Amino acid sequence: MAFIRTLLYSLKEIFGYRGVVGKSTDKERSAYDQSSTGCGAPHTDFISIKSLQEFCNEYSNFASNLENISRELPFIHKSRERLLNTKYPRVCGLDLYVTVTK
């Protein structure tokens, strides 16, 4: 389901939409970020670099990079350890790290 939702979001972005993918569920937040007790993050936004850059357009500098990867489509047949040593985390990584200068 997450794959389809991401695909639909990508199509919307092609036609100019800028914003978050949608409200995240407890299950999604727990899958990507959880405390030592197993509780999911209280809030997680799923957003593209393009949309986040648009939100930060009043700042003088915007730098971003993608990291991390999981064994989801189309990577289900490769180990995560092997995937981490490829270009894919920098192209379609799960975690977006951003530095913005005022």
PDB file of N, CA and C in Angstrom:
ATOM      1  N   MET A   1       0.815  -1.201   0.000  1.00  0.00           N
ATOM      2  CA  MET A   1       0.000   0.000   0.000  1.00  0.00           C
ATOM      3  C   MET A   1       0.857   1.263   0.000  1.00  0.00           C
ATOM      4  N   ALA A   2       1.962   1.247   0.766  1.00  0.00           N
ATOM      5  CA  ALA A   2       2.843   2.420   0.823  1.00  0.00           C
ATOM      6  C   ALA A   2       3.439   2.710  -0.552  1.00  0.00           C
ATOM      7  N   PHE A   3       3.753   1.666  -1.299  1.00  0.00           N
ATOM      8  CA  PHE A   3       4.311   1.834  -2.642  1.00  0.00           C
ATOM      9  C   PHE A   3       3.318   2.558  -3.545  1.00  0.00           C
ATOM     10  N   ILE A   4       2.064   2.163  -3.509  1.00  0.00           N
ATOM     11  CA  ILE A   4       1.026   2.777  -4.339  1.00  0.00           C
ATOM     12  C   ILE A   4       0.801   4.225  -3.916  1.00  0.00           C
ATOM     13  N   ARG A   5       0.774   4.466  -2.612  1.00  0.00           N
ATOM     14  CA  ARG A   5       0.572   5.827  -2.111  1.00  0.00           C
ATOM     15  C   ARG A   5       1.726   6.737  -2.549  1.00  0.00           C
ATOM     16  N   THR A   6       2.950   6.213  -2.514  1.00  0.00           N
ATOM     17  CA  THR A   6       4.113   6.981  -2.958  1.00  0.00           C
ATOM     18  C   THR A   6       4.040   7.258  -4.450  1.00  0.00           C
ATOM     19  N   LEU A   7       3.629   6.273  -5.224  1.00  0.00           N
ATOM     20  CA  LEU A   7       3.486   6.444  -6.662  1.00  0.00           C
ATOM     21  C   LEU A   7       2.441   7.519  -6.984  1.00  0.00           C
ATOM     22  N   LEU A   8       1.306   7.475  -6.309  1.00  0.00           N
ATOM     23  CA  LEU A   8       0.257   8.483  -6.527  1.00  0.00           C
ATOM     24  C   LEU A   8       0.737   9.875  -6.140  1.00  0.00           C
ATOM     25  N   TYR A   9       1.475   9.967  -5.040  1.00  0.00           N
ATOM     26  CA  TYR A   9       2.042  11.249  -4.609  1.00  0.00           C
ATOM     27  C   TYR A   9       2.995  11.779  -5.676  1.00  0.00           C
ATOM     28  N   SER A  10       3.833  10.897  -6.226  1.00  0.00           N
ATOM     29  CA  SER A  10       4.782  11.304  -7.270  1.00  0.00           C
ATOM     30  C   SER A  10       4.056  11.857  -8.492  1.00  0.00           C
ATOM     31  N   LEU A  11       2.978  11.213  -8.880  1.00  0.00           N
ATOM     32  CA  LEU A  11       2.189  11.692 -10.021  1.00  0.00           C
ATOM     33  C   LEU A  11       1.593  13.072  -9.736  1.00  0.00           C
ATOM     34  N   LYS A  12       1.103  13.274  -8.509  1.00  0.00           N
ATOM     35  CA  LYS A  12       0.561  14.581  -8.136  1.00  0.00           C
ATOM     36  C   LYS A  12       1.643  15.649  -8.210  1.00  0.00           C
ATOM     37  N   GLU A  13       2.853  15.302  -7.771  1.00  0.00           N
ATOM     38  CA  GLU A  13       3.961  16.264  -7.793  1.00  0.00           C
ATOM     39  C   GLU A  13       4.339  16.654  -9.215  1.00  0.00           C
ATOM     40  N   ILE A  14       4.275  15.710 -10.128  1.00  0.00           N
ATOM     41  CA  ILE A  14       4.581  16.008 -11.529  1.00  0.00           C
ATOM     42  C   ILE A  14       3.670  17.121 -12.046  1.00  0.00           C
ATOM     43  N   PHE A  15       2.441  17.144 -11.543  1.00  0.00           N
ATOM     44  CA  PHE A  15       1.472  18.144 -11.984  1.00  0.00           C
ATOM     45  C   PHE A  15       1.420  19.363 -11.064  1.00  0.00           C
ATOM     46  N   GLY A  16       2.438  19.539 -10.209  1.00  0.00           N
ATOM     47  CA  GLY A  16       2.576  20.769  -9.447  1.00  0.00           C
ATOM     48  C   GLY A  16       2.226  20.730  -7.975  1.00  0.00           C
ATOM     49  N   TYR A  17       1.726  19.619  -7.451  1.00  0.00           N
ATOM     50  CA  TYR A  17       1.381  19.559  -6.030  1.00  0.00           C
ATOM     51  C   TYR A  17       2.642  19.700  -5.184  1.00  0.00           C
ATOM     52  N   ARG A  18       2.549  20.467  -4.108  1.00  0.00           N
ATOM     53  CA  ARG A  18       3.635  20.576  -3.142  1.00  0.00           C
ATOM     54  C   ARG A  18       3.041  20.381  -1.759  1.00  0.00           C
ATOM     55  N   GLY A  19       3.521  19.392  -1.044  1.00  0.00           N
ATOM     56  CA  GLY A  19       3.024  19.128   0.303  1.00  0.00           C
ATOM     57  C   GLY A  19       3.429  17.754   0.774  1.00  0.00           C
ATOM     58  N   VAL A  20       2.927  17.358   1.919  1.00  0.00           N
ATOM     59  CA  VAL A  20       3.252  16.050   2.489  1.00  0.00           C
ATOM     60  C   VAL A  20       2.400  14.974   1.838  1.00  0.00           C
ATOM     61  N   VAL A  21       2.853  13.729   1.960  1.00  0.00           N
ATOM     62  CA  VAL A  21       2.145  12.598   1.358  1.00  0.00           C
ATOM     63  C   VAL A  21       0.758  12.466   1.958  1.00  0.00           C
ATOM     64  N   GLY A  22       0.640  12.634   3.228  1.00  0.00           N
ATOM     65  CA  GLY A  22      -0.638  12.502   3.923  1.00  0.00           C
ATOM     66  C   GLY A  22      -0.387  12.169   5.370  1.00  0.00           C
ATOM     67  N   LYS A  23      -1.431  12.046   6.127  1.00  0.00           N
ATOM     68  CA  LYS A  23      -1.309  11.735   7.548  1.00  0.00           C
ATOM     69  C   LYS A  23      -0.740  10.333   7.706  1.00  0.00           C
ATOM     70  N   SER A  24       0.307  10.219   8.513  1.00  0.00           N
ATOM     71  CA  SER A  24       0.932   8.912   8.730  1.00  0.00           C
ATOM     72  C   SER A  24       0.178   8.137   9.806  1.00  0.00           C
ATOM     73  N   THR A  25       0.166   6.826   9.666  1.00  0.00           N
ATOM     74  CA  THR A  25      -0.489   5.954  10.642  1.00  0.00           C
ATOM     75  C   THR A  25       0.501   5.554  11.730  1.00  0.00           C
ATOM     76  N   ASP A  26      -0.020   5.053  12.847  1.00  0.00           N
ATOM     77  CA  ASP A  26       0.851   4.544  13.918  1.00  0.00           C
ATOM     78  C   ASP A  26       1.791   3.471  13.390  1.00  0.00           C
ATOM     79  N   LYS A  27       1.267   2.594  12.552  1.00  0.00           N
ATOM     80  CA  LYS A  27       2.070   1.496  12.000  1.00  0.00           C
ATOM     81  C   LYS A  27       3.225   2.041  11.150  1.00  0.00           C
ATOM     82  N   GLU A  28       2.959   3.046  10.322  1.00  0.00           N
ATOM     83  CA  GLU A  28       4.013   3.634   9.499  1.00  0.00           C
ATOM     84  C   GLU A  28       5.063   4.322  10.357  1.00  0.00           C
ATOM     85  N   ARG A  29       4.613   5.085  11.355  1.00  0.00           N
ATOM     86  CA  ARG A  29       5.575   5.777  12.219  1.00  0.00           C
ATOM     87  C   ARG A  29       6.434   4.781  12.983  1.00  0.00           C
ATOM     88  N   SER A  30       5.849   3.696  13.446  1.00  0.00           N
ATOM     89  CA  SER A  30       6.610   2.674  14.171  1.00  0.00           C
ATOM     90  C   SER A  30       7.600   1.962  13.262  1.00  0.00           C
ATOM     91  N   ALA A  31       7.238   1.781  11.996  1.00  0.00           N
ATOM     92  CA  ALA A  31       8.126   1.097  11.055  1.00  0.00           C
ATOM     93  C   ALA A  31       9.382   1.912  10.780  1.00  0.00           C
ATOM     94  N   TYR A  32       9.273   3.237  10.805  1.00  0.00           N
ATOM     95  CA  TYR A  32      10.404   4.080  10.455  1.00  0.00           C
ATOM     96  C   TYR A  32      11.101   4.717  11.650  1.00  0.00           C
ATOM     97  N   ASP A  33      10.405   4.868  12.756  1.00  0.00           N
ATOM     98  CA  ASP A  33      10.989   5.563  13.896  1.00  0.00           C
ATOM     99  C   ASP A  33      10.255   5.145  15.165  1.00  0.00           C
ATOM    100  N   GLN A  34      10.973   4.532  16.109  1.00  0.00           N
ATOM    101  CA  GLN A  34      10.331   4.156  17.361  1.00  0.00           C
ATOM    102  C   GLN A  34      11.278   4.314  18.530  1.00  0.00           C
ATOM    103  N   SER A  35      10.694   4.461  19.705  1.00  0.00           N
ATOM    104  CA  SER A  35      11.467   4.620  20.931  1.00  0.00           C
ATOM    105  C   SER A  35      12.005   3.274  21.388  1.00  0.00           C
ATOM    106  N   SER A  36      12.799   3.296  22.438  1.00  0.00           N
ATOM    107  CA  SER A  36      13.351   2.053  22.978  1.00  0.00           C
ATOM    108  C   SER A  36      12.271   1.141  23.550  1.00  0.00           C
ATOM    109  N   THR A  37      11.099   1.701  23.845  1.00  0.00           N
ATOM    110  CA  THR A  37       9.986   0.891  24.350  1.00  0.00           C
ATOM    111  C   THR A  37       9.084   0.378  23.225  1.00  0.00           C
ATOM    112  N   GLY A  38       9.414   0.749  21.960  1.00  0.00           N
ATOM    113  CA  GLY A  38       8.646   0.263  20.821  1.00  0.00           C
ATOM    114  C   GLY A  38       7.511   1.167  20.370  1.00  0.00           C
ATOM    115  N   CYS A  39       7.363   2.318  21.025  1.00  0.00           N
ATOM    116  CA  CYS A  39       6.316   3.259  20.626  1.00  0.00           C
ATOM    117  C   CYS A  39       6.758   4.038  19.390  1.00  0.00           C
ATOM    118  N   GLY A  40       5.830   4.222  18.460  1.00  0.00           N
ATOM    119  CA  GLY A  40       6.121   4.982  17.257  1.00  0.00           C
ATOM    120  C   GLY A  40       6.310   6.448  17.555  1.00  0.00           C
ATOM    121  N   ALA A  41       6.982   7.138  16.642  1.00  0.00           N
ATOM    122  CA  ALA A  41       7.174   8.583  16.790  1.00  0.00           C
ATOM    123  C   ALA A  41       5.817   9.265  16.888  1.00  0.00           C
ATOM    124  N   PRO A  42       5.695  10.343  17.666  1.00  0.00           N
ATOM    125  CA  PRO A  42       4.405  11.011  17.800  1.00  0.00           C
ATOM    126  C   PRO A  42       3.945  11.665  16.495  1.00  0.00           C
ATOM    127  N   HIS A  43       4.893  12.036  15.635  1.00  0.00           N
ATOM    128  CA  HIS A  43       4.523  12.664  14.369  1.00  0.00           C
ATOM    129  C   HIS A  43       5.632  12.427  13.350  1.00  0.00           C
ATOM    130  N   THR A  44       5.268  12.059  12.138  1.00  0.00           N
ATOM    131  CA  THR A  44       6.209  11.884  11.036  1.00  0.00           C
ATOM    132  C   THR A  44       5.561  12.403   9.770  1.00  0.00           C
ATOM    133  N   ASP A  45       6.302  13.212   9.023  1.00  0.00           N
ATOM    134  CA  ASP A  45       5.819  13.668   7.723  1.00  0.00           C
ATOM    135  C   ASP A  45       6.618  12.976   6.636  1.00  0.00           C
ATOM    136  N   PHE A  46       5.930  12.552   5.597  1.00  0.00           N
ATOM    137  CA  PHE A  46       6.561  11.973   4.431  1.00  0.00           C
ATOM    138  C   PHE A  46       6.457  13.023   3.334  1.00  0.00           C
ATOM    139  N   ILE A  47       7.614  13.526   2.874  1.00  0.00           N
ATOM    140  CA  ILE A  47       7.642  14.636   1.924  1.00  0.00           C
ATOM    141  C   ILE A  47       8.813  14.449   0.968  1.00  0.00           C
ATOM    142  N   SER A  48       8.672  14.984  -0.219  1.00  0.00           N
ATOM    143  CA  SER A  48       9.759  14.912  -1.196  1.00  0.00           C
ATOM    144  C   SER A  48      10.718  16.080  -0.995  1.00  0.00           C
ATOM    145  N   ILE A  49      11.897  15.946  -1.551  1.00  0.00           N
ATOM    146  CA  ILE A  49      12.869  17.039  -1.496  1.00  0.00           C
ATOM    147  C   ILE A  49      12.308  18.266  -2.206  1.00  0.00           C
ATOM    148  N   LYS A  50      11.677  18.056  -3.338  1.00  0.00           N
ATOM    149  CA  LYS A  50      11.124  19.157  -4.125  1.00  0.00           C
ATOM    150  C   LYS A  50      10.092  19.955  -3.321  1.00  0.00           C
ATOM    151  N   SER A  51       9.196  19.266  -2.638  1.00  0.00           N
ATOM    152  CA  SER A  51       8.181  19.961  -1.840  1.00  0.00           C
ATOM    153  C   SER A  51       8.806  20.683  -0.651  1.00  0.00           C
ATOM    154  N   LEU A  52       9.745  20.035   0.025  1.00  0.00           N
ATOM    155  CA  LEU A  52      10.388  20.675   1.169  1.00  0.00           C
ATOM    156  C   LEU A  52      11.197  21.892   0.730  1.00  0.00           C
ATOM    157  N   GLN A  53      11.858  21.776  -0.403  1.00  0.00           N
ATOM    158  CA  GLN A  53      12.616  22.912  -0.933  1.00  0.00           C
ATOM    159  C   GLN A  53      11.685  24.086  -1.247  1.00  0.00           C
ATOM    160  N   GLU A  54      10.523  23.786  -1.768  1.00  0.00           N
ATOM    161  CA  GLU A  54       9.526  24.839  -2.048  1.00  0.00           C
ATOM    162  C   GLU A  54       9.094  25.534  -0.751  1.00  0.00           C
ATOM    163  N   PHE A  55       8.894  24.777   0.320  1.00  0.00           N
ATOM    164  CA  PHE A  55       8.506  25.352   1.608  1.00  0.00           C
ATOM    165  C   PHE A  55       9.615  26.239   2.187  1.00  0.00           C
ATOM    166  N   CYS A  56      10.855  25.956   1.811  1.00  0.00           N
ATOM    167  CA  CYS A  56      12.003  26.686   2.357  1.00  0.00           C
ATOM    168  C   CYS A  56      12.551  27.724   1.387  1.00  0.00           C
ATOM    169  N   ASN A  57      11.769  28.136   0.411  1.00  0.00           N
ATOM    170  CA  ASN A  57      12.284  29.007  -0.645  1.00  0.00           C
ATOM    171  C   ASN A  57      12.660  30.405  -0.169  1.00  0.00           C
ATOM    172  N   GLU A  58      12.241  30.809   1.022  1.00  0.00           N
ATOM    173  CA  GLU A  58      12.615  32.131   1.534  1.00  0.00           C
ATOM    174  C   GLU A  58      13.976  32.125   2.240  1.00  0.00           C
ATOM    175  N   TYR A  59      14.560  30.966   2.401  1.00  0.00           N
ATOM    176  CA  TYR A  59      15.874  30.869   3.023  1.00  0.00           C
ATOM    177  C   TYR A  59      16.955  31.019   1.965  1.00  0.00           C
ATOM    178  N   SER A  60      18.154  31.431   2.385  1.00  0.00           N
ATOM    179  CA  SER A  60      19.212  31.701   1.415  1.00  0.00           C
ATOM    180  C   SER A  60      19.914  30.441   0.923  1.00  0.00           C
ATOM    181  N   ASN A  61      19.869  29.373   1.708  1.00  0.00           N
ATOM    182  CA  ASN A  61      20.575  28.160   1.301  1.00  0.00           C
ATOM    183  C   ASN A  61      19.767  26.936   1.720  1.00  0.00           C
ATOM    184  N   PHE A  62      19.688  25.975   0.819  1.00  0.00           N
ATOM    185  CA  PHE A  62      18.983  24.721   1.078  1.00  0.00           C
ATOM    186  C   PHE A  62      19.874  23.588   0.572  1.00  0.00           C
ATOM    187  N   ALA A  63      20.255  22.683   1.454  1.00  0.00           N
ATOM    188  CA  ALA A  63      21.048  21.515   1.059  1.00  0.00           C
ATOM    189  C   ALA A  63      20.388  20.275   1.652  1.00  0.00           C
ATOM    190  N   SER A  64      20.324  19.212   0.873  1.00  0.00           N
ATOM    191  CA  SER A  64      19.673  17.992   1.353  1.00  0.00           C
ATOM    192  C   SER A  64      20.402  16.766   0.859  1.00  0.00           C
ATOM    193  N   ASN A  65      20.242  15.679   1.593  1.00  0.00           N
ATOM    194  CA  ASN A  65      20.734  14.392   1.127  1.00  0.00           C
ATOM    195  C   ASN A  65      19.864  13.280   1.689  1.00  0.00           C
ATOM    196  N   LEU A  66      19.744  12.243   0.901  1.00  0.00           N
ATOM    197  CA  LEU A  66      18.976  11.063   1.283  1.00  0.00           C
ATOM    198  C   LEU A  66      19.913   9.994   1.815  1.00  0.00           C
ATOM    199  N   GLU A  67      19.440   9.243   2.803  1.00  0.00           N
ATOM    200  CA  GLU A  67      20.197   8.132   3.363  1.00  0.00           C
ATOM    201  C   GLU A  67      19.232   7.025   3.756  1.00  0.00           C
ATOM    202  N   ASN A  68      19.787   5.859   4.011  1.00  0.00           N
ATOM    203  CA  ASN A  68      19.038   4.707   4.504  1.00  0.00           C
ATOM    204  C   ASN A  68      18.205   4.069   3.388  1.00  0.00           C
ATOM    205  N   ILE A  69      17.847   2.827   3.575  1.00  0.00           N
ATOM    206  CA  ILE A  69      17.043   2.097   2.595  1.00  0.00           C
ATOM    207  C   ILE A  69      16.463   0.865   3.279  1.00  0.00           C
ATOM    208  N   SER A  70      15.366   0.365   2.753  1.00  0.00           N
ATOM    209  CA  SER A  70      14.793  -0.871   3.294  1.00  0.00           C
ATOM    210  C   SER A  70      14.473  -1.817   2.153  1.00  0.00           C
ATOM    211  N   ARG A  71      14.117  -3.010   2.500  1.00  0.00           N
ATOM    212  CA  ARG A  71      13.854  -4.052   1.513  1.00  0.00           C
ATOM    213  C   ARG A  71      12.402  -4.025   1.062  1.00  0.00           C
ATOM    214  N   GLU A  72      12.022  -2.944   0.420  1.00  0.00           N
ATOM    215  CA  GLU A  72      10.697  -2.812  -0.166  1.00  0.00           C
ATOM    216  C   GLU A  72      10.844  -2.904  -1.674  1.00  0.00           C
ATOM    217  N   LEU A  73       9.722  -2.950  -2.367  1.00  0.00           N
ATOM    218  CA  LEU A  73       9.786  -2.969  -3.832  1.00  0.00           C
ATOM    219  C   LEU A  73      10.610  -1.798  -4.319  1.00  0.00           C
ATOM    220  N   PRO A  74      11.464  -1.959  -5.254  1.00  0.00           N
ATOM    221  CA  PRO A  74      11.819  -3.153  -6.020  1.00  0.00           C
ATOM    222  C   PRO A  74      13.023  -3.908  -5.461  1.00  0.00           C
ATOM    223  N   PHE A  75      13.369  -3.693  -4.188  1.00  0.00           N
ATOM    224  CA  PHE A  75      14.594  -4.243  -3.602  1.00  0.00           C
ATOM    225  C   PHE A  75      14.381  -5.449  -2.700  1.00  0.00           C
ATOM    226  N   ILE A  76      13.264  -6.113  -2.777  1.00  0.00           N
ATOM    227  CA  ILE A  76      12.925  -7.160  -1.805  1.00  0.00           C
ATOM    228  C   ILE A  76      13.845  -8.377  -1.874  1.00  0.00           C
ATOM    229  N   HIS A  77      14.582  -8.544  -2.952  1.00  0.00           N
ATOM    230  CA  HIS A  77      15.433  -9.731  -3.090  1.00  0.00           C
ATOM    231  C   HIS A  77      16.894  -9.474  -2.738  1.00  0.00           C
ATOM    232  N   LYS A  78      17.210  -8.287  -2.248  1.00  0.00           N
ATOM    233  CA  LYS A  78      18.583  -7.963  -1.852  1.00  0.00           C
ATOM    234  C   LYS A  78      18.611  -7.673  -0.351  1.00  0.00           C
ATOM    235  N   SER A  79      19.723  -7.981   0.266  1.00  0.00           N
ATOM    236  CA  SER A  79      19.846  -7.715   1.699  1.00  0.00           C
ATOM    237  C   SER A  79      20.022  -6.214   1.924  1.00  0.00           C
ATOM    238  N   ARG A  80      19.569  -5.749   3.077  1.00  0.00           N
ATOM    239  CA  ARG A  80      19.694  -4.331   3.411  1.00  0.00           C
ATOM    240  C   ARG A  80      21.165  -3.924   3.467  1.00  0.00           C
ATOM    241  N   GLU A  81      22.011  -4.801   4.011  1.00  0.00           N
ATOM    242  CA  GLU A  81      23.441  -4.508   4.115  1.00  0.00           C
ATOM    243  C   GLU A  81      24.042  -4.277   2.727  1.00  0.00           C
ATOM    244  N   ARG A  82      23.642  -5.092   1.774  1.00  0.00           N
ATOM    245  CA  ARG A  82      24.150  -4.929   0.408  1.00  0.00           C
ATOM    246  C   ARG A  82      23.612  -3.642  -0.227  1.00  0.00           C
ATOM    247  N   LEU A  83      22.360  -3.356   0.005  1.00  0.00           N
ATOM    248  CA  LEU A  83      21.748  -2.146  -0.551  1.00  0.00           C
ATOM    249  C   LEU A  83      22.395  -0.875  -0.014  1.00  0.00           C
ATOM    250  N   LEU A  84      22.783  -0.883   1.267  1.00  0.00           N
ATOM    251  CA  LEU A  84      23.400   0.299   1.869  1.00  0.00           C
ATOM    252  C   LEU A  84      24.714   0.669   1.194  1.00  0.00           C
ATOM    253  N   ASN A  85      25.362  -0.291   0.546  1.00  0.00           N
ATOM    254  CA  ASN A  85      26.635  -0.045  -0.126  1.00  0.00           C
ATOM    255  C   ASN A  85      26.467   0.248  -1.615  1.00  0.00           C
ATOM    256  N   THR A  86      25.276   0.656  -2.014  1.00  0.00           N
ATOM    257  CA  THR A  86      25.009   1.014  -3.400  1.00  0.00           C
ATOM    258  C   THR A  86      24.648   2.491  -3.485  1.00  0.00           C
ATOM    259  N   LYS A  87      24.343   2.945  -4.686  1.00  0.00           N
ATOM    260  CA  LYS A  87      23.922   4.344  -4.875  1.00  0.00           C
ATOM    261  C   LYS A  87      22.469   4.574  -4.456  1.00  0.00           C
ATOM    262  N   TYR A  88      21.689   3.511  -4.273  1.00  0.00           N
ATOM    263  CA  TYR A  88      20.254   3.654  -4.044  1.00  0.00           C
ATOM    264  C   TYR A  88      19.860   4.471  -2.814  1.00  0.00           C
ATOM    265  N   PRO A  89      20.560   4.357  -1.682  1.00  0.00           N
ATOM    266  CA  PRO A  89      20.169   5.208  -0.544  1.00  0.00           C
ATOM    267  C   PRO A  89      20.278   6.705  -0.855  1.00  0.00           C
ATOM    268  N   ARG A  90      21.224   7.095  -1.715  1.00  0.00           N
ATOM    269  CA  ARG A  90      21.386   8.510  -2.072  1.00  0.00           C
ATOM    270  C   ARG A  90      20.384   8.952  -3.139  1.00  0.00           C
ATOM    271  N   VAL A  91      19.758   7.978  -3.814  1.00  0.00           N
ATOM    272  CA  VAL A  91      18.798   8.293  -4.872  1.00  0.00           C
ATOM    273  C   VAL A  91      17.358   8.192  -4.372  1.00  0.00           C
ATOM    274  N   CYS A  92      17.069   7.137  -3.618  1.00  0.00           N
ATOM    275  CA  CYS A  92      15.687   6.919  -3.148  1.00  0.00           C
ATOM    276  C   CYS A  92      15.666   6.490  -1.687  1.00  0.00           C
ATOM    277  N   GLY A  93      16.501   7.138  -0.870  1.00  0.00           N
ATOM    278  CA  GLY A  93      16.597   6.795   0.543  1.00  0.00           C
ATOM    279  C   GLY A  93      15.345   7.130   1.329  1.00  0.00           C
ATOM    280  N   LEU A  94      15.253   6.538   2.489  1.00  0.00           N
ATOM    281  CA  LEU A  94      14.098   6.725   3.368  1.00  0.00           C
ATOM    282  C   LEU A  94      14.195   7.985   4.219  1.00  0.00           C
ATOM    283  N   ASP A  95      15.408   8.372   4.564  1.00  0.00           N
ATOM    284  CA  ASP A  95      15.608   9.488   5.490  1.00  0.00           C
ATOM    285  C   ASP A  95      16.138  10.702   4.739  1.00  0.00           C
ATOM    286  N   LEU A  96      15.506  11.828   4.950  1.00  0.00           N
ATOM    287  CA  LEU A  96      15.897  13.073   4.307  1.00  0.00           C
ATOM    288  C   LEU A  96      16.541  13.975   5.352  1.00  0.00           C
ATOM    289  N   TYR A  97      17.793  14.332   5.118  1.00  0.00           N
ATOM    290  CA  TYR A  97      18.520  15.240   6.007  1.00  0.00           C
ATOM    291  C   TYR A  97      18.685  16.572   5.296  1.00  0.00           C
ATOM    292  N   VAL A  98      18.303  17.657   5.978  1.00  0.00           N
ATOM    293  CA  VAL A  98      18.270  18.968   5.354  1.00  0.00           C
ATOM    294  C   VAL A  98      18.988  19.981   6.240  1.00  0.00           C
ATOM    295  N   THR A  99      19.736  20.851   5.572  1.00  0.00           N
ATOM    296  CA  THR A  99      20.341  22.001   6.230  1.00  0.00           C
ATOM    297  C   THR A  99      19.834  23.244   5.521  1.00  0.00           C
ATOM    298  N   VAL A 100      19.269  24.170   6.291  1.00  0.00           N
ATOM    299  CA  VAL A 100      18.721  25.391   5.725  1.00  0.00           C
ATOM    300  C   VAL A 100      19.367  26.571   6.442  1.00  0.00           C
ATOM    301  N   THR A 101      19.793  27.567   5.661  1.00  0.00           N
ATOM    302  CA  THR A 101      20.408  28.772   6.216  1.00  0.00           C
ATOM    303  C   THR A 101      19.470  29.951   6.004  1.00  0.00           C
ATOM    304  N   LYS A 102      19.286  30.721   7.053  1.00  0.00           N
ATOM    305  CA  LYS A 102      18.381  31.872   7.002  1.00  0.00           C
ATOM    306  C   LYS A 102      18.925  32.968   6.118  1.00  0.00           C
TER     307      LYS A 102
END
